[in-house]
Amino acid sequence: MNGRVDLQGRALLAISVRSSPKSAETSVEMRVDTGFTGDVVLPLSQIQQLGLQASSMVQTAMADGRETALDSFVAWLDWF
């Protein structure tokens, strides 16, 4: 797996994403940080383009301390 570092110093990887194990893959460039927990964040427009199915709501804490609920979606990633 090869990536690149952009002009702002962000580590970027092109990852193959699928909406199901048998669906066609789409390459999506994603930013990876040192605190990677296995979750991937995508813009809603990309989620809709990929046809990802909603799975649940998750509670999150924002950087300013606010808590909010976010939609969670199912996707298959070719990760290593």
Protein backbone atom coordinates (compact mmCIF):
# COMPACT_ATOMS: atom_id res chain seq x y z
CA MET A 1 0.00 0.00 0.00
CA ASN A 2 1.47 3.32 -1.06
CA GLY A 3 0.42 6.79 -0.03
CA ARG A 4 1.58 10.34 -0.21
CA VAL A 5 2.06 13.38 1.99
CA ASP A 6 0.33 16.54 0.77
CA LEU A 7 1.58 20.12 1.05
CA GLN A 8 -0.06 20.48 4.50
CA GLY A 9 1.86 17.43 5.81
CA ARG A 10 -1.17 15.09 5.89
CA ALA A 11 -0.63 11.38 5.23
CA LEU A 12 -3.00 10.22 2.48
CA LEU A 13 -3.77 6.70 1.24
CA ALA A 14 -5.94 5.53 -1.66
CA ILE A 15 -8.21 2.82 -0.22
CA SER A 16 -10.62 0.57 -2.13
CA VAL A 17 -14.13 0.86 -0.65
CA ARG A 18 -17.18 -1.32 -1.38
CA SER A 19 -20.78 -1.15 -0.20
CA SER A 20 -20.88 -4.98 0.03
CA PRO A 21 -18.36 -7.81 -0.42
CA LYS A 22 -19.56 -8.42 -4.01
CA SER A 23 -20.04 -4.81 -5.16
CA ALA A 24 -17.64 -2.92 -7.40
CA GLU A 25 -14.81 -1.17 -5.59
CA THR A 26 -14.22 2.56 -5.64
CA SER A 27 -10.87 4.13 -4.82
CA VAL A 28 -11.15 6.82 -2.14
CA GLU A 29 -8.23 8.94 -0.93
CA MET A 30 -8.32 9.06 2.88
CA ARG A 31 -6.31 10.90 5.50
CA VAL A 32 -4.71 8.70 8.16
CA ASP A 33 -3.48 10.15 11.45
CA THR A 34 -1.42 8.73 14.30
CA GLY A 35 -4.55 8.28 16.42
CA PHE A 36 -6.20 5.92 13.90
CA THR A 37 -8.76 3.71 15.68
CA GLY A 38 -10.08 1.78 12.70
CA ASP A 39 -12.97 4.13 11.99
CA VAL A 40 -13.12 6.04 8.72
CA VAL A 41 -14.93 9.34 8.23
CA LEU A 42 -16.38 10.17 4.80
CA PRO A 43 -18.42 13.12 3.57
CA LEU A 44 -22.16 12.38 3.21
CA SER A 45 -21.92 12.95 -0.56
CA GLN A 46 -19.35 10.14 -0.83
CA ILE A 47 -21.41 7.84 1.42
CA GLN A 48 -24.39 8.39 -0.89
CA GLN A 49 -22.28 7.91 -4.04
CA LEU A 50 -21.00 4.58 -2.68
CA GLY A 51 -24.53 3.51 -1.71
CA LEU A 52 -23.53 2.66 1.87
CA GLN A 53 -26.29 1.39 4.17
CA ALA A 54 -26.85 3.01 7.57
CA SER A 55 -26.15 0.69 10.49
CA SER A 56 -26.54 2.67 13.73
CA MET A 57 -26.05 5.94 15.56
CA VAL A 58 -22.88 6.52 17.60
CA GLN A 59 -22.32 9.03 20.42
CA THR A 60 -19.22 11.16 19.92
CA ALA A 61 -17.43 13.90 21.82
CA MET A 62 -16.35 16.89 19.77
CA ALA A 63 -13.07 18.75 20.33
CA ASP A 64 -14.92 21.54 22.18
CA GLY A 65 -16.49 19.03 24.60
CA ARG A 66 -19.95 18.93 23.02
CA GLU A 67 -21.50 15.50 22.54
CA THR A 68 -23.43 14.59 19.43
CA ALA A 69 -24.90 11.53 17.72
CA LEU A 70 -23.66 10.62 14.25
CA ASP A 71 -24.91 8.09 11.71
CA SER A 72 -22.74 5.03 11.17
CA PHE A 73 -22.59 3.14 7.86
CA VAL A 74 -21.31 -0.26 6.74
CA ALA A 75 -18.48 -0.47 4.20
CA TRP A 76 -15.84 -2.99 3.19
CA LEU A 77 -12.29 -1.64 2.89
CA ASP A 78 -9.30 -3.32 1.27
CA TRP A 79 -6.92 -2.62 4.14
CA PHE A 80 -3.63 -4.47 3.74
